[in-house]
C-alpha cells in the first residue's frame, strides 16, 4: 500500500510540474504579444522622431 501511495504522489507531482510549465509558456507568449504590439504601435512614431532629430543635426 505504501508503494502505491508513493507512486500516486510522484504522478501528482509530475502533473503539477507540467501545469507550471504550461503557465510559464502562456506568460512568455503574452509578454511576447505585448512587446510586438508595443513595437508596432510605437515604431512609426520613433522613426519620425529619429528622422526629425537627424534632420535637425
PDB file of N, CA and C in Angstrom:
ATOM      1  N   UNK A   1       0.824  -1.190   0.000  1.00  0.00           N
ATOM      2  CA  UNK A   1       0.000   0.000   0.000  1.00  0.00           C
ATOM      3  C   UNK A   1       0.869   1.255   0.000  1.00  0.00           C
ATOM      4  N   UNK A   2       1.985   1.198   0.706  1.00  0.00           N
ATOM      5  CA  UNK A   2       2.880   2.350   0.774  1.00  0.00           C
ATOM      6  C   UNK A   2       3.477   2.653  -0.592  1.00  0.00           C
ATOM      7  N   UNK A   3       3.816   1.615  -1.346  1.00  0.00           N
ATOM      8  CA  UNK A   3       4.368   1.816  -2.683  1.00  0.00           C
ATOM      9  C   UNK A   3       3.338   2.489  -3.596  1.00  0.00           C
ATOM     10  N   UNK A   4       2.083   2.086  -3.448  1.00  0.00           N
ATOM     11  CA  UNK A   4       1.014   2.675  -4.258  1.00  0.00           C
ATOM     12  C   UNK A   4       0.887   4.170  -3.960  1.00  0.00           C
ATOM     13  N   UNK A   5       0.920   4.519  -2.695  1.00  0.00           N
ATOM     14  CA  UNK A   5       0.805   5.934  -2.307  1.00  0.00           C
ATOM     15  C   UNK A   5       2.009   6.717  -2.820  1.00  0.00           C
ATOM     16  N   UNK A   6       3.197   6.140  -2.757  1.00  0.00           N
ATOM     17  CA  UNK A   6       4.394   6.812  -3.254  1.00  0.00           C
ATOM     18  C   UNK A   6       4.302   7.053  -4.755  1.00  0.00           C
ATOM     19  N   UNK A   7       3.824   6.064  -5.502  1.00  0.00           N
ATOM     20  CA  UNK A   7       3.663   6.224  -6.951  1.00  0.00           C
ATOM     21  C   UNK A   7       2.625   7.287  -7.268  1.00  0.00           C
ATOM     22  N   UNK A   8       1.545   7.284  -6.502  1.00  0.00           N
ATOM     23  CA  UNK A   8       0.493   8.276  -6.714  1.00  0.00           C
ATOM     24  C   UNK A   8       1.020   9.681  -6.464  1.00  0.00           C
ATOM     25  N   UNK A   9       1.783   9.869  -5.401  1.00  0.00           N
ATOM     26  CA  UNK A   9       2.359  11.177  -5.097  1.00  0.00           C
ATOM     27  C   UNK A   9       3.327  11.617  -6.192  1.00  0.00           C
ATOM     28  N   UNK A  10       4.104  10.694  -6.717  1.00  0.00           N
ATOM     29  CA  UNK A  10       5.044  11.019  -7.794  1.00  0.00           C
ATOM     30  C   UNK A  10       4.297  11.471  -9.037  1.00  0.00           C
ATOM     31  N   UNK A  11       3.230  10.769  -9.381  1.00  0.00           N
ATOM     32  CA  UNK A  11       2.455  11.152 -10.568  1.00  0.00           C
ATOM     33  C   UNK A  11       1.788  12.500 -10.383  1.00  0.00           C
ATOM     34  N   UNK A  12       1.283  12.772  -9.196  1.00  0.00           N
ATOM     35  CA  UNK A  12       0.655  14.066  -8.936  1.00  0.00           C
ATOM     36  C   UNK A  12       1.681  15.191  -9.011  1.00  0.00           C
ATOM     37  N   UNK A  13       2.880  14.943  -8.519  1.00  0.00           N
ATOM     38  CA  UNK A  13       3.935  15.958  -8.582  1.00  0.00           C
ATOM     39  C   UNK A  13       4.302  16.248 -10.035  1.00  0.00           C
ATOM     40  N   UNK A  14       4.354  15.228 -10.885  1.00  0.00           N
ATOM     41  CA  UNK A  14       4.673  15.442 -12.292  1.00  0.00           C
ATOM     42  C   UNK A  14       3.586  16.251 -12.980  1.00  0.00           C
ATOM     43  N   UNK A  15       2.327  16.017 -12.627  1.00  0.00           N
ATOM     44  CA  UNK A  15       1.237  16.784 -13.216  1.00  0.00           C
ATOM     45  C   UNK A  15       1.336  18.257 -12.826  1.00  0.00           C
ATOM     46  N   UNK A  16       1.717  18.521 -11.583  1.00  0.00           N
ATOM     47  CA  UNK A  16       1.853  19.912 -11.143  1.00  0.00           C
ATOM     48  C   UNK A  16       2.988  20.600 -11.881  1.00  0.00           C
ATOM     49  N   UNK A  17       4.078  19.893 -12.113  1.00  0.00           N
ATOM     50  CA  UNK A  17       5.189  20.486 -12.860  1.00  0.00           C
ATOM     51  C   UNK A  17       4.767  20.763 -14.290  1.00  0.00           C
ATOM     52  N   UNK A  18       4.006  19.887 -14.872  1.00  0.00           N
ATOM     53  CA  UNK A  18       3.518  20.097 -16.231  1.00  0.00           C
ATOM     54  C   UNK A  18       2.616  21.307 -16.305  1.00  0.00           C
ATOM     55  N   UNK A  19       1.752  21.466 -15.320  1.00  0.00           N
ATOM     56  CA  UNK A  19       0.869  22.630 -15.288  1.00  0.00           C
ATOM     57  C   UNK A  19       1.678  23.909 -15.128  1.00  0.00           C
ATOM     58  N   UNK A  20       2.709  23.866 -14.316  1.00  0.00           N
ATOM     59  CA  UNK A  20       3.553  25.040 -14.128  1.00  0.00           C
ATOM     60  C   UNK A  20       4.259  25.406 -15.425  1.00  0.00           C
ATOM     61  N   UNK A  21       4.740  24.418 -16.149  1.00  0.00           N
ATOM     62  CA  UNK A  21       5.408  24.683 -17.425  1.00  0.00           C
ATOM     63  C   UNK A  21       4.441  25.320 -18.416  1.00  0.00           C
ATOM     64  N   UNK A  22       3.204  24.862 -18.433  1.00  0.00           N
ATOM     65  CA  UNK A  22       2.204  25.438 -19.330  1.00  0.00           C
ATOM     66  C   UNK A  22       1.920  26.877 -18.937  1.00  0.00           C
ATOM     67  N   UNK A  23       1.821  27.138 -17.650  1.00  0.00           N
ATOM     68  CA  UNK A  23       1.568  28.504 -17.181  1.00  0.00           C
ATOM     69  C   UNK A  23       2.713  29.435 -17.582  1.00  0.00           C
ATOM     70  N   UNK A  24       3.942  28.992 -17.398  1.00  0.00           N
ATOM     71  CA  UNK A  24       5.089  29.818 -17.801  1.00  0.00           C
ATOM     72  C   UNK A  24       5.087  30.044 -19.310  1.00  0.00           C
ATOM     73  N   UNK A  25       4.736  29.025 -20.058  1.00  0.00           N
ATOM     74  CA  UNK A  25       4.660  29.168 -21.511  1.00  0.00           C
ATOM     75  C   UNK A  25       3.626  30.201 -21.916  1.00  0.00           C
ATOM     76  N   UNK A  26       2.475  30.191 -21.258  1.00  0.00           N
ATOM     77  CA  UNK A  26       1.442  31.189 -21.549  1.00  0.00           C
ATOM     78  C   UNK A  26       1.903  32.594 -21.186  1.00  0.00           C
ATOM     79  N   UNK A  27       2.591  32.724 -20.062  1.00  0.00           N
ATOM     80  CA  UNK A  27       3.092  34.047 -19.660  1.00  0.00           C
ATOM     81  C   UNK A  27       4.110  34.573 -20.675  1.00  0.00           C
ATOM     82  N   UNK A  28       5.005  33.714 -21.132  1.00  0.00           N
ATOM     83  CA  UNK A  28       6.004  34.128 -22.121  1.00  0.00           C
ATOM     84  C   UNK A  28       5.318  34.538 -23.427  1.00  0.00           C
ATOM     85  N   UNK A  29       4.307  33.788 -23.825  1.00  0.00           N
ATOM     86  CA  UNK A  29       3.583  34.128 -25.049  1.00  0.00           C
ATOM     87  C   UNK A  29       2.876  35.478 -24.918  1.00  0.00           C
ATOM     88  N   UNK A  30       2.250  35.730 -23.785  1.00  0.00           N
ATOM     89  CA  UNK A  30       1.567  37.009 -23.577  1.00  0.00           C
ATOM     90  C   UNK A  30       2.550  38.172 -23.548  1.00  0.00           C
ATOM     91  N   UNK A  31       3.697  37.981 -22.918  1.00  0.00           N
ATOM     92  CA  UNK A  31       4.713  39.037 -22.887  1.00  0.00           C
ATOM     93  C   UNK A  31       5.209  39.319 -24.300  1.00  0.00           C
ATOM     94  N   UNK A  32       5.418  38.275 -25.089  1.00  0.00           N
ATOM     95  CA  UNK A  32       5.865  38.460 -26.466  1.00  0.00           C
ATOM     96  C   UNK A  32       4.828  39.228 -27.275  1.00  0.00           C
ATOM     97  N   UNK A  33       3.555  38.916 -27.075  1.00  0.00           N
ATOM     98  CA  UNK A  33       2.496  39.628 -27.800  1.00  0.00           C
ATOM     99  C   UNK A  33       2.476  41.098 -27.415  1.00  0.00           C
ATOM    100  N   UNK A  34       2.636  41.393 -26.129  1.00  0.00           N
ATOM    101  CA  UNK A  34       2.659  42.791 -25.670  1.00  0.00           C
ATOM    102  C   UNK A  34       3.832  43.536 -26.284  1.00  0.00           C
ATOM    103  N   UNK A  35       4.987  42.903 -26.344  1.00  0.00           N
ATOM    104  CA  UNK A  35       6.166  43.552 -26.931  1.00  0.00           C
ATOM    105  C   UNK A  35       5.942  43.814 -28.417  1.00  0.00           C
ATOM    106  N   UNK A  36       5.397  42.849 -29.123  1.00  0.00           N
ATOM    107  CA  UNK A  36       5.153  43.024 -30.557  1.00  0.00           C
ATOM    108  C   UNK A  36       4.169  44.164 -30.803  1.00  0.00           C
ATOM    109  N   UNK A  37       3.103  44.213 -30.012  1.00  0.00           N
ATOM    110  CA  UNK A  37       2.109  45.281 -30.173  1.00  0.00           C
ATOM    111  C   UNK A  37       2.732  46.638 -29.857  1.00  0.00           C
ATOM    112  N   UNK A  38       3.528  46.719 -28.803  1.00  0.00           N
ATOM    113  CA  UNK A  38       4.157  47.986 -28.432  1.00  0.00           C
ATOM    114  C   UNK A  38       5.117  48.465 -29.516  1.00  0.00           C
ATOM    115  N   UNK A  39       5.916  47.563 -30.053  1.00  0.00           N
ATOM    116  CA  UNK A  39       6.860  47.939 -31.106  1.00  0.00           C
ATOM    117  C   UNK A  39       6.112  48.384 -32.356  1.00  0.00           C
ATOM    118  N   UNK A  40       5.042  47.686 -32.671  1.00  0.00           N
ATOM    119  CA  UNK A  40       4.253  48.041 -33.853  1.00  0.00           C
ATOM    120  C   UNK A  40       3.635  49.429 -33.698  1.00  0.00           C
ATOM    121  N   UNK A  41       3.058  49.695 -32.533  1.00  0.00           N
ATOM    122  CA  UNK A  41       2.390  50.980 -32.321  1.00  0.00           C
ATOM    123  C   UNK A  41       3.380  52.139 -32.213  1.00  0.00           C
ATOM    124  N   UNK A  42       4.510  51.896 -31.566  1.00  0.00           N
ATOM    125  CA  UNK A  42       5.473  52.972 -31.354  1.00  0.00           C
ATOM    126  C   UNK A  42       6.503  53.080 -32.468  1.00  0.00           C
ATOM    127  N   UNK A  43       6.564  52.091 -33.339  1.00  0.00           N
ATOM    128  CA  UNK A  43       7.591  52.055 -34.379  1.00  0.00           C
ATOM    129  C   UNK A  43       7.577  53.275 -35.280  1.00  0.00           C
ATOM    130  N   UNK A  44       6.428  53.631 -35.808  1.00  0.00           N
ATOM    131  CA  UNK A  44       6.347  54.783 -36.714  1.00  0.00           C
ATOM    132  C   UNK A  44       6.642  56.086 -35.992  1.00  0.00           C
ATOM    133  N   UNK A  45       6.158  56.226 -34.776  1.00  0.00           N
ATOM    134  CA  UNK A  45       6.431  57.442 -34.013  1.00  0.00           C
ATOM    135  C   UNK A  45       7.920  57.602 -33.741  1.00  0.00           C
ATOM    136  N   UNK A  46       8.582  56.510 -33.370  1.00  0.00           N
ATOM    137  CA  UNK A  46      10.021  56.582 -33.117  1.00  0.00           C
ATOM    138  C   UNK A  46      10.798  56.865 -34.404  1.00  0.00           C
ATOM    139  N   UNK A  47      10.359  56.273 -35.497  1.00  0.00           N
ATOM    140  CA  UNK A  47      11.018  56.503 -36.783  1.00  0.00           C
ATOM    141  C   UNK A  47      10.939  57.987 -37.145  1.00  0.00           C
ATOM    142  N   UNK A  48       9.753  58.577 -36.995  1.00  0.00           N
ATOM    143  CA  UNK A  48       9.592  60.007 -37.296  1.00  0.00           C
ATOM    144  C   UNK A  48      10.435  60.860 -36.354  1.00  0.00           C
ATOM    145  N   UNK A  49      10.481  60.503 -35.075  1.00  0.00           N
ATOM    146  CA  UNK A  49      11.286  61.259 -34.117  1.00  0.00           C
ATOM    147  C   UNK A  49      12.764  61.208 -34.489  1.00  0.00           C
ATOM    148  N   UNK A  50      13.281  60.045 -34.816  1.00  0.00           N
ATOM    149  CA  UNK A  50      14.689  59.930 -35.187  1.00  0.00           C
ATOM    150  C   UNK A  50      14.979  60.682 -36.495  1.00  0.00           C
ATOM    151  N   UNK A  51      14.059  60.623 -37.429  1.00  0.00           N
ATOM    152  CA  UNK A  51      14.241  61.376 -38.674  1.00  0.00           C
ATOM    153  C   UNK A  51      14.284  62.876 -38.408  1.00  0.00           C
ATOM    154  N   UNK A  52      13.414  63.360 -37.519  1.00  0.00           N
ATOM    155  CA  UNK A  52      13.404  64.781 -37.181  1.00  0.00           C
ATOM    156  C   UNK A  52      14.714  65.189 -36.518  1.00  0.00           C
ATOM    157  N   UNK A  53      15.184  64.366 -35.595  1.00  0.00           N
ATOM    158  CA  UNK A  53      16.451  64.673 -34.917  1.00  0.00           C
ATOM    159  C   UNK A  53      17.612  64.623 -35.915  1.00  0.00           C
ATOM    160  N   UNK A  54      17.614  63.638 -36.801  1.00  0.00           N
ATOM    161  CA  UNK A  54      18.678  63.529 -37.776  1.00  0.00           C
ATOM    162  C   UNK A  54      18.684  64.718 -38.727  1.00  0.00           C
ATOM    163  N   UNK A  55      17.511  65.191 -39.106  1.00  0.00           N
ATOM    164  CA  UNK A  55      17.417  66.343 -39.989  1.00  0.00           C
ATOM    165  C   UNK A  55      17.901  67.607 -39.289  1.00  0.00           C
ATOM    166  N   UNK A  56      17.576  67.721 -38.024  1.00  0.00           N
ATOM    167  CA  UNK A  56      17.990  68.891 -37.248  1.00  0.00           C
ATOM    168  C   UNK A  56      19.500  68.944 -37.052  1.00  0.00           C
ATOM    169  N   UNK A  57      20.112  67.789 -36.895  1.00  0.00           N
ATOM    170  CA  UNK A  57      21.560  67.736 -36.671  1.00  0.00           C
ATOM    171  C   UNK A  57      22.241  68.072 -37.979  1.00  0.00           C
TER     172      UNK A  57
END
